[in-house]
PDB file of N, CA and C in Angstrom:
ATOM      1  N   UNK A   1       0.842  -1.223   0.094  1.00  0.00           N
ATOM      2  CA  UNK A   1      -0.044  -0.012   0.041  1.00  0.00           C
ATOM      3  C   UNK A   1       0.899   1.170  -0.013  1.00  0.00           C
ATOM      4  N   UNK A   2       1.781   1.323   0.948  1.00  0.00           N
ATOM      5  CA  UNK A   2       2.724   2.530   1.017  1.00  0.00           C
ATOM      6  C   UNK A   2       3.621   2.736  -0.177  1.00  0.00           C
ATOM      7  N   UNK A   3       3.825   1.426  -0.825  1.00  0.00           N
ATOM      8  CA  UNK A   3       4.916   1.568  -2.048  1.00  0.00           C
ATOM      9  C   UNK A   3       4.219   2.190  -3.220  1.00  0.00           C
ATOM     10  N   UNK A   4       2.847   2.005  -3.390  1.00  0.00           N
ATOM     11  CA  UNK A   4       2.048   2.639  -4.404  1.00  0.00           C
ATOM     12  C   UNK A   4       1.918   4.187  -4.109  1.00  0.00           C
ATOM     13  N   UNK A   5       1.676   4.377  -2.839  1.00  0.00           N
ATOM     14  CA  UNK A   5       1.597   5.895  -2.491  1.00  0.00           C
ATOM     15  C   UNK A   5       2.839   6.630  -2.730  1.00  0.00           C
ATOM     16  N   UNK A   6       4.180   5.933  -2.408  1.00  0.00           N
ATOM     17  CA  UNK A   6       5.344   6.610  -2.678  1.00  0.00           C
ATOM     18  C   UNK A   6       5.694   6.836  -4.180  1.00  0.00           C
ATOM     19  N   UNK A   7       5.124   5.738  -4.847  1.00  0.00           N
ATOM     20  CA  UNK A   7       5.244   5.754  -6.343  1.00  0.00           C
ATOM     21  C   UNK A   7       4.736   6.918  -7.015  1.00  0.00           C
ATOM     22  N   UNK A   8       3.329   7.074  -6.699  1.00  0.00           N
ATOM     23  CA  UNK A   8       2.509   8.312  -7.023  1.00  0.00           C
ATOM     24  C   UNK A   8       3.128   9.503  -6.635  1.00  0.00           C
ATOM     25  N   UNK A   9       3.670   9.650  -5.463  1.00  0.00           N
ATOM     26  CA  UNK A   9       4.325  10.819  -4.925  1.00  0.00           C
ATOM     27  C   UNK A   9       5.575  11.217  -5.768  1.00  0.00           C
ATOM     28  N   UNK A  10       6.180  10.183  -6.063  1.00  0.00           N
ATOM     29  CA  UNK A  10       7.546  10.442  -6.844  1.00  0.00           C
ATOM     30  C   UNK A  10       7.165  10.712  -8.439  1.00  0.00           C
ATOM     31  N   UNK A  11       6.247  10.325  -8.803  1.00  0.00           N
ATOM     32  CA  UNK A  11       5.609  10.504 -10.087  1.00  0.00           C
ATOM     33  C   UNK A  11       5.201  11.881 -10.115  1.00  0.00           C
ATOM     34  N   UNK A  12       4.323  12.399  -9.278  1.00  0.00           N
ATOM     35  CA  UNK A  12       3.839  13.752  -9.187  1.00  0.00           C
ATOM     36  C   UNK A  12       5.119  14.804  -8.941  1.00  0.00           C
ATOM     37  N   UNK A  13       6.079  14.298  -8.031  1.00  0.00           N
ATOM     38  CA  UNK A  13       7.287  15.169  -7.934  1.00  0.00           C
ATOM     39  C   UNK A  13       8.015  15.415  -9.099  1.00  0.00           C
ATOM     40  N   UNK A  14       8.196  14.335  -9.909  1.00  0.00           N
ATOM     41  CA  UNK A  14       8.919  14.347 -11.185  1.00  0.00           C
ATOM     42  C   UNK A  14       8.210  15.187 -12.110  1.00  0.00           C
ATOM     43  N   UNK A  15       6.932  15.155 -12.109  1.00  0.00           N
ATOM     44  CA  UNK A  15       6.067  16.026 -13.195  1.00  0.00           C
ATOM     45  C   UNK A  15       6.266  17.263 -12.888  1.00  0.00           C
ATOM     46  N   UNK A  16       6.266  17.767 -11.547  1.00  0.00           N
ATOM     47  CA  UNK A  16       6.381  19.201 -11.071  1.00  0.00           C
ATOM     48  C   UNK A  16       7.727  19.621 -11.570  1.00  0.00           C
ATOM     49  N   UNK A  17       8.705  18.828 -11.266  1.00  0.00           N
ATOM     50  CA  UNK A  17      10.246  19.253 -11.482  1.00  0.00           C
ATOM     51  C   UNK A  17      10.446  19.450 -12.907  1.00  0.00           C
ATOM     52  N   UNK A  18       9.841  18.478 -13.811  1.00  0.00           N
ATOM     53  CA  UNK A  18       9.939  18.633 -15.472  1.00  0.00           C
ATOM     54  C   UNK A  18       9.219  19.988 -15.790  1.00  0.00           C
ATOM     55  N   UNK A  19       8.153  20.272 -15.156  1.00  0.00           N
ATOM     56  CA  UNK A  19       7.359  21.575 -15.572  1.00  0.00           C
ATOM     57  C   UNK A  19       8.154  22.841 -15.217  1.00  0.00           C
ATOM     58  N   UNK A  20       8.750  22.791 -14.018  1.00  0.00           N
ATOM     59  CA  UNK A  20       9.544  23.926 -13.528  1.00  0.00           C
ATOM     60  C   UNK A  20      10.780  24.005 -14.451  1.00  0.00           C
ATOM     61  N   UNK A  21      11.485  23.009 -14.812  1.00  0.00           N
ATOM     62  CA  UNK A  21      12.666  23.182 -15.495  1.00  0.00           C
ATOM     63  C   UNK A  21      12.514  23.328 -17.067  1.00  0.00           C
ATOM     64  N   UNK A  22      11.280  22.996 -17.547  1.00  0.00           N
ATOM     65  CA  UNK A  22      11.068  23.085 -19.040  1.00  0.00           C
ATOM     66  C   UNK A  22      10.726  24.516 -19.479  1.00  0.00           C
ATOM     67  N   UNK A  23      10.284  25.273 -18.543  1.00  0.00           N
ATOM     68  CA  UNK A  23       9.553  26.523 -18.800  1.00  0.00           C
ATOM     69  C   UNK A  23      10.767  27.442 -19.279  1.00  0.00           C
ATOM     70  N   UNK A  24      11.791  27.729 -18.561  1.00  0.00           N
ATOM     71  CA  UNK A  24      13.003  28.581 -18.959  1.00  0.00           C
ATOM     72  C   UNK A  24      13.614  28.126 -20.085  1.00  0.00           C
ATOM     73  N   UNK A  25      13.771  26.814 -20.475  1.00  0.00           N
ATOM     74  CA  UNK A  25      14.444  26.305 -21.580  1.00  0.00           C
ATOM     75  C   UNK A  25      13.478  26.577 -22.810  1.00  0.00           C
ATOM     76  N   UNK A  26      12.163  26.585 -22.715  1.00  0.00           N
ATOM     77  CA  UNK A  26      11.383  27.018 -23.882  1.00  0.00           C
ATOM     78  C   UNK A  26      11.633  28.482 -24.020  1.00  0.00           C
ATOM     79  N   UNK A  27      11.664  29.245 -23.086  1.00  0.00           N
ATOM     80  CA  UNK A  27      11.819  30.727 -23.280  1.00  0.00           C
ATOM     81  C   UNK A  27      13.099  31.057 -23.865  1.00  0.00           C
ATOM     82  N   UNK A  28      14.149  30.318 -23.496  1.00  0.00           N
ATOM     83  CA  UNK A  28      15.598  30.484 -24.097  1.00  0.00           C
ATOM     84  C   UNK A  28      15.571  30.140 -25.610  1.00  0.00           C
ATOM     85  N   UNK A  29      14.950  28.884 -25.784  1.00  0.00           N
ATOM     86  CA  UNK A  29      14.943  28.581 -27.133  1.00  0.00           C
ATOM     87  C   UNK A  29      14.084  29.448 -28.113  1.00  0.00           C
ATOM     88  N   UNK A  30      12.977  29.943 -27.585  1.00  0.00           N
ATOM     89  CA  UNK A  30      12.173  31.028 -28.368  1.00  0.00           C
ATOM     90  C   UNK A  30      12.968  32.206 -28.747  1.00  0.00           C
ATOM     91  N   UNK A  31      13.799  32.613 -27.585  1.00  0.00           N
ATOM     92  CA  UNK A  31      14.606  33.902 -27.955  1.00  0.00           C
ATOM     93  C   UNK A  31      15.582  33.679 -28.756  1.00  0.00           C
ATOM     94  N   UNK A  32      16.238  32.562 -28.868  1.00  0.00           N
ATOM     95  CA  UNK A  32      17.313  32.276 -29.764  1.00  0.00           C
ATOM     96  C   UNK A  32      16.783  32.091 -31.157  1.00  0.00           C
ATOM     97  N   UNK A  33      15.528  31.455 -31.363  1.00  0.00           N
ATOM     98  CA  UNK A  33      14.923  31.396 -32.724  1.00  0.00           C
ATOM     99  C   UNK A  33      14.617  32.772 -33.229  1.00  0.00           C
ATOM    100  N   UNK A  34      14.006  33.661 -32.240  1.00  0.00           N
ATOM    101  CA  UNK A  34      13.665  35.024 -32.699  1.00  0.00           C
ATOM    102  C   UNK A  34      14.949  35.728 -33.123  1.00  0.00           C
ATOM    103  N   UNK A  35      15.924  35.616 -32.385  1.00  0.00           N
ATOM    104  CA  UNK A  35      17.249  36.458 -32.683  1.00  0.00           C
ATOM    105  C   UNK A  35      17.619  35.856 -34.042  1.00  0.00           C
ATOM    106  N   UNK A  36      17.614  34.656 -34.598  1.00  0.00           N
ATOM    107  CA  UNK A  36      18.074  34.135 -35.743  1.00  0.00           C
ATOM    108  C   UNK A  36      17.084  34.683 -36.745  1.00  0.00           C
ATOM    109  N   UNK A  37      15.880  34.632 -36.482  1.00  0.00           N
ATOM    110  CA  UNK A  37      14.817  35.355 -37.513  1.00  0.00           C
ATOM    111  C   UNK A  37      15.028  36.808 -37.677  1.00  0.00           C
ATOM    112  N   UNK A  38      15.347  37.401 -36.669  1.00  0.00           N
ATOM    113  CA  UNK A  38      15.684  38.935 -36.617  1.00  0.00           C
ATOM    114  C   UNK A  38      16.854  39.211 -37.449  1.00  0.00           C
ATOM    115  N   UNK A  39      17.935  38.329 -37.271  1.00  0.00           N
ATOM    116  CA  UNK A  39      19.142  38.491 -38.165  1.00  0.00           C
ATOM    117  C   UNK A  39      18.860  38.413 -39.521  1.00  0.00           C
ATOM    118  N   UNK A  40      18.032  37.190 -39.824  1.00  0.00           N
ATOM    119  CA  UNK A  40      17.662  36.887 -41.261  1.00  0.00           C
ATOM    120  C   UNK A  40      16.934  38.157 -41.842  1.00  0.00           C
ATOM    121  N   UNK A  41      16.003  38.716 -41.118  1.00  0.00           N
ATOM    122  CA  UNK A  41      15.242  39.790 -41.550  1.00  0.00           C
ATOM    123  C   UNK A  41      16.271  41.220 -41.863  1.00  0.00           C
ATOM    124  N   UNK A  42      17.122  41.266 -41.020  1.00  0.00           N
ATOM    125  CA  UNK A  42      17.957  42.401 -41.222  1.00  0.00           C
ATOM    126  C   UNK A  42      18.938  42.194 -42.328  1.00  0.00           C
ATOM    127  N   UNK A  43      19.240  40.830 -42.629  1.00  0.00           N
ATOM    128  CA  UNK A  43      20.218  40.448 -43.803  1.00  0.00           C
ATOM    129  C   UNK A  43      19.330  40.778 -45.141  1.00  0.00           C
ATOM    130  N   UNK A  44      18.070  40.379 -45.028  1.00  0.00           N
ATOM    131  CA  UNK A  44      17.243  40.551 -46.209  1.00  0.00           C
ATOM    132  C   UNK A  44      17.057  41.959 -46.467  1.00  0.00           C
ATOM    133  N   UNK A  45      16.687  42.710 -45.387  1.00  0.00           N
ATOM    134  CA  UNK A  45      16.625  44.192 -45.465  1.00  0.00           C
ATOM    135  C   UNK A  45      17.742  44.783 -46.193  1.00  0.00           C
ATOM    136  N   UNK A  46      18.898  44.365 -45.676  1.00  0.00           N
ATOM    137  CA  UNK A  46      20.138  44.969 -46.067  1.00  0.00           C
ATOM    138  C   UNK A  46      20.377  44.528 -47.718  1.00  0.00           C
ATOM    139  N   UNK A  47      20.186  43.357 -48.074  1.00  0.00           N
ATOM    140  CA  UNK A  47      20.209  42.887 -49.281  1.00  0.00           C
ATOM    141  C   UNK A  47      19.489  43.710 -50.282  1.00  0.00           C
ATOM    142  N   UNK A  48      18.172  43.843 -50.113  1.00  0.00           N
ATOM    143  CA  UNK A  48      17.304  44.605 -50.945  1.00  0.00           C
ATOM    144  C   UNK A  48      17.490  46.137 -50.709  1.00  0.00           C
ATOM    145  N   UNK A  49      17.787  46.643 -49.372  1.00  0.00           N
ATOM    146  CA  UNK A  49      17.907  47.957 -49.282  1.00  0.00           C
ATOM    147  C   UNK A  49      19.090  48.628 -49.883  1.00  0.00           C
ATOM    148  N   UNK A  50      20.237  47.668 -50.163  1.00  0.00           N
ATOM    149  CA  UNK A  50      21.443  48.224 -50.802  1.00  0.00           C
ATOM    150  C   UNK A  50      21.166  48.847 -52.164  1.00  0.00           C
ATOM    151  N   UNK A  51      20.321  48.136 -52.882  1.00  0.00           N
ATOM    152  CA  UNK A  51      19.896  48.772 -54.223  1.00  0.00           C
ATOM    153  C   UNK A  51      19.370  50.293 -54.185  1.00  0.00           C
ATOM    154  N   UNK A  52      18.667  50.689 -53.041  1.00  0.00           N
ATOM    155  CA  UNK A  52      18.329  52.108 -52.922  1.00  0.00           C
ATOM    156  C   UNK A  52      19.100  52.826 -52.127  1.00  0.00           C
ATOM    157  N   UNK A  53      20.199  52.159 -51.458  1.00  0.00           N
ATOM    158  CA  UNK A  53      21.105  53.137 -50.555  1.00  0.00           C
ATOM    159  C   UNK A  53      20.752  52.928 -49.082  1.00  0.00           C
ATOM    160  N   UNK A  54      19.910  52.075 -48.670  1.00  0.00           N
ATOM    161  CA  UNK A  54      19.518  52.064 -47.264  1.00  0.00           C
ATOM    162  C   UNK A  54      19.933  50.709 -46.564  1.00  0.00           C
ATOM    163  N   UNK A  55      20.724  50.657 -45.614  1.00  0.00           N
ATOM    164  CA  UNK A  55      21.178  49.531 -44.880  1.00  0.00           C
ATOM    165  C   UNK A  55      21.229  49.817 -43.509  1.00  0.00           C
ATOM    166  N   UNK A  56      21.048  48.720 -42.678  1.00  0.00           N
ATOM    167  CA  UNK A  56      21.052  48.769 -41.171  1.00  0.00           C
ATOM    168  C   UNK A  56      22.446  48.004 -40.841  1.00  0.00           C
ATOM    169  N   UNK A  57      23.136  48.514 -39.960  1.00  0.00           N
ATOM    170  CA  UNK A  57      24.303  47.815 -39.342  1.00  0.00           C
ATOM    171  C   UNK A  57      23.904  46.533 -38.539  1.00  0.00           C
ATOM    172  N   UNK A  58      24.384  45.274 -38.897  1.00  0.00           N
ATOM    173  CA  UNK A  58      23.843  44.116 -37.960  1.00  0.00           C
ATOM    174  C   UNK A  58      24.869  44.027 -37.091  1.00  0.00           C
ATOM    175  N   UNK A  59      24.427  44.391 -35.893  1.00  0.00           N
ATOM    176  CA  UNK A  59      25.306  44.197 -34.730  1.00  0.00           C
ATOM    177  C   UNK A  59      24.559  43.417 -33.890  1.00  0.00           C
ATOM    178  N   UNK A  60      25.149  42.958 -32.802  1.00  0.00           N
ATOM    179  CA  UNK A  60      24.646  41.999 -31.790  1.00  0.00           C
ATOM    180  C   UNK A  60      23.377  42.587 -31.138  1.00  0.00           C
ATOM    181  N   UNK A  61      23.394  43.929 -30.797  1.00  0.00           N
ATOM    182  CA  UNK A  61      22.325  44.725 -30.244  1.00  0.00           C
ATOM    183  C   UNK A  61      21.101  44.564 -31.162  1.00  0.00           C
ATOM    184  N   UNK A  62      21.438  45.038 -32.366  1.00  0.00           N
ATOM    185  CA  UNK A  62      20.198  45.135 -33.450  1.00  0.00           C
ATOM    186  C   UNK A  62      19.625  43.863 -33.726  1.00  0.00           C
ATOM    187  N   UNK A  63      20.483  42.841 -33.763  1.00  0.00           N
ATOM    188  CA  UNK A  63      20.046  41.396 -33.891  1.00  0.00           C
ATOM    189  C   UNK A  63      19.167  40.910 -32.646  1.00  0.00           C
ATOM    190  N   UNK A  64      19.691  41.165 -31.512  1.00  0.00           N
ATOM    191  CA  UNK A  64      18.802  40.867 -30.365  1.00  0.00           C
ATOM    192  C   UNK A  64      17.525  41.699 -30.144  1.00  0.00           C
ATOM    193  N   UNK A  65      17.618  42.800 -30.490  1.00  0.00           N
ATOM    194  CA  UNK A  65      16.383  43.764 -30.392  1.00  0.00           C
ATOM    195  C   UNK A  65      15.307  43.106 -31.396  1.00  0.00           C
ATOM    196  N   UNK A  66      15.748  42.995 -32.768  1.00  0.00           N
ATOM    197  CA  UNK A  66      14.861  42.496 -33.662  1.00  0.00           C
ATOM    198  C   UNK A  66      14.334  41.083 -33.500  1.00  0.00           C
ATOM    199  N   UNK A  67      15.231  40.309 -32.839  1.00  0.00           N
ATOM    200  CA  UNK A  67      14.840  38.938 -32.475  1.00  0.00           C
ATOM    201  C   UNK A  67      13.917  38.794 -31.373  1.00  0.00           C
ATOM    202  N   UNK A  68      14.134  39.706 -30.217  1.00  0.00           N
ATOM    203  CA  UNK A  68      13.300  39.754 -29.053  1.00  0.00           C
ATOM    204  C   UNK A  68      11.998  40.341 -29.347  1.00  0.00           C
ATOM    205  N   UNK A  69      11.919  41.405 -30.134  1.00  0.00           N
ATOM    206  CA  UNK A  69      10.454  41.958 -30.362  1.00  0.00           C
ATOM    207  C   UNK A  69       9.949  41.839 -31.787  1.00  0.00           C
ATOM    208  N   UNK A  70      10.705  40.974 -32.712  1.00  0.00           N
ATOM    209  CA  UNK A  70      10.210  40.569 -33.797  1.00  0.00           C
ATOM    210  C   UNK A  70      10.167  41.714 -34.888  1.00  0.00           C
ATOM    211  N   UNK A  71       9.150  41.327 -35.838  1.00  0.00           N
ATOM    212  CA  UNK A  71       9.199  42.281 -37.138  1.00  0.00           C
ATOM    213  C   UNK A  71       8.809  43.718 -36.574  1.00  0.00           C
ATOM    214  N   UNK A  72       7.826  44.016 -35.690  1.00  0.00           N
ATOM    215  CA  UNK A  72       7.700  45.503 -35.459  1.00  0.00           C
ATOM    216  C   UNK A  72       8.836  46.140 -34.916  1.00  0.00           C
ATOM    217  N   UNK A  73       9.714  45.386 -34.366  1.00  0.00           N
ATOM    218  CA  UNK A  73      11.037  46.177 -33.940  1.00  0.00           C
ATOM    219  C   UNK A  73      11.967  46.512 -35.024  1.00  0.00           C
ATOM    220  N   UNK A  74      11.853  45.702 -36.114  1.00  0.00           N
ATOM    221  CA  UNK A  74      12.715  45.895 -37.309  1.00  0.00           C
ATOM    222  C   UNK A  74      12.137  47.021 -37.928  1.00  0.00           C
ATOM    223  N   UNK A  75      10.885  47.311 -38.163  1.00  0.00           N
ATOM    224  CA  UNK A  75      10.135  48.611 -38.552  1.00  0.00           C
ATOM    225  C   UNK A  75      10.528  49.633 -37.688  1.00  0.00           C
ATOM    226  N   UNK A  76      10.635  49.498 -36.409  1.00  0.00           N
ATOM    227  CA  UNK A  76      11.208  50.582 -35.467  1.00  0.00           C
ATOM    228  C   UNK A  76      12.607  50.855 -35.904  1.00  0.00           C
ATOM    229  N   UNK A  77      13.406  49.920 -36.051  1.00  0.00           N
ATOM    230  CA  UNK A  77      14.883  50.315 -36.291  1.00  0.00           C
ATOM    231  C   UNK A  77      15.015  51.119 -37.581  1.00  0.00           C
ATOM    232  N   UNK A  78      14.123  50.719 -38.553  1.00  0.00           N
ATOM    233  CA  UNK A  78      14.046  51.343 -39.966  1.00  0.00           C
ATOM    234  C   UNK A  78      13.635  52.929 -39.676  1.00  0.00           C
ATOM    235  N   UNK A  79      12.639  53.075 -38.848  1.00  0.00           N
ATOM    236  CA  UNK A  79      12.144  54.470 -38.593  1.00  0.00           C
ATOM    237  C   UNK A  79      13.116  55.288 -37.952  1.00  0.00           C
ATOM    238  N   UNK A  80      13.842  54.631 -36.847  1.00  0.00           N
ATOM    239  CA  UNK A  80      14.915  55.264 -36.008  1.00  0.00           C
ATOM    240  C   UNK A  80      16.023  55.718 -36.974  1.00  0.00           C
ATOM    241  N   UNK A  81      16.378  54.792 -37.875  1.00  0.00           N
ATOM    242  CA  UNK A  81      17.525  55.223 -38.742  1.00  0.00           C
ATOM    243  C   UNK A  81      17.101  56.401 -39.689  1.00  0.00           C
ATOM    244  N   UNK A  82      15.979  56.242 -40.073  1.00  0.00           N
ATOM    245  CA  UNK A  82      15.396  57.241 -41.163  1.00  0.00           C
ATOM    246  C   UNK A  82      15.491  58.686 -40.394  1.00  0.00           C
ATOM    247  N   UNK A  83      14.911  58.688 -39.128  1.00  0.00           N
ATOM    248  CA  UNK A  83      14.766  59.957 -38.237  1.00  0.00           C
ATOM    249  C   UNK A  83      16.170  60.477 -37.874  1.00  0.00           C
ATOM    250  N   UNK A  84      16.880  59.722 -37.458  1.00  0.00           N
ATOM    251  CA  UNK A  84      18.161  60.090 -36.933  1.00  0.00           C
ATOM    252  C   UNK A  84      19.300  59.630 -37.802  1.00  0.00           C
TER     253      UNK A  84
END
């Protein structure tokens, strides 16, 4: 009887531990994927923007900003460069 109870408690504890540990990894993976997508968008913008004389420097900061906030932040970076 107690063996089954201990087993169920262990399974519940393992489930809770996996849930706690998997959340930050998912967030980290999402940020890395977004940073890669942001960098790709910046490269595409520079490739086509070079024809009209508009490029953005691809720095770690620009890549992370574009990756963290996504496409709207790339638009913000374009507007920021045009204004300043």
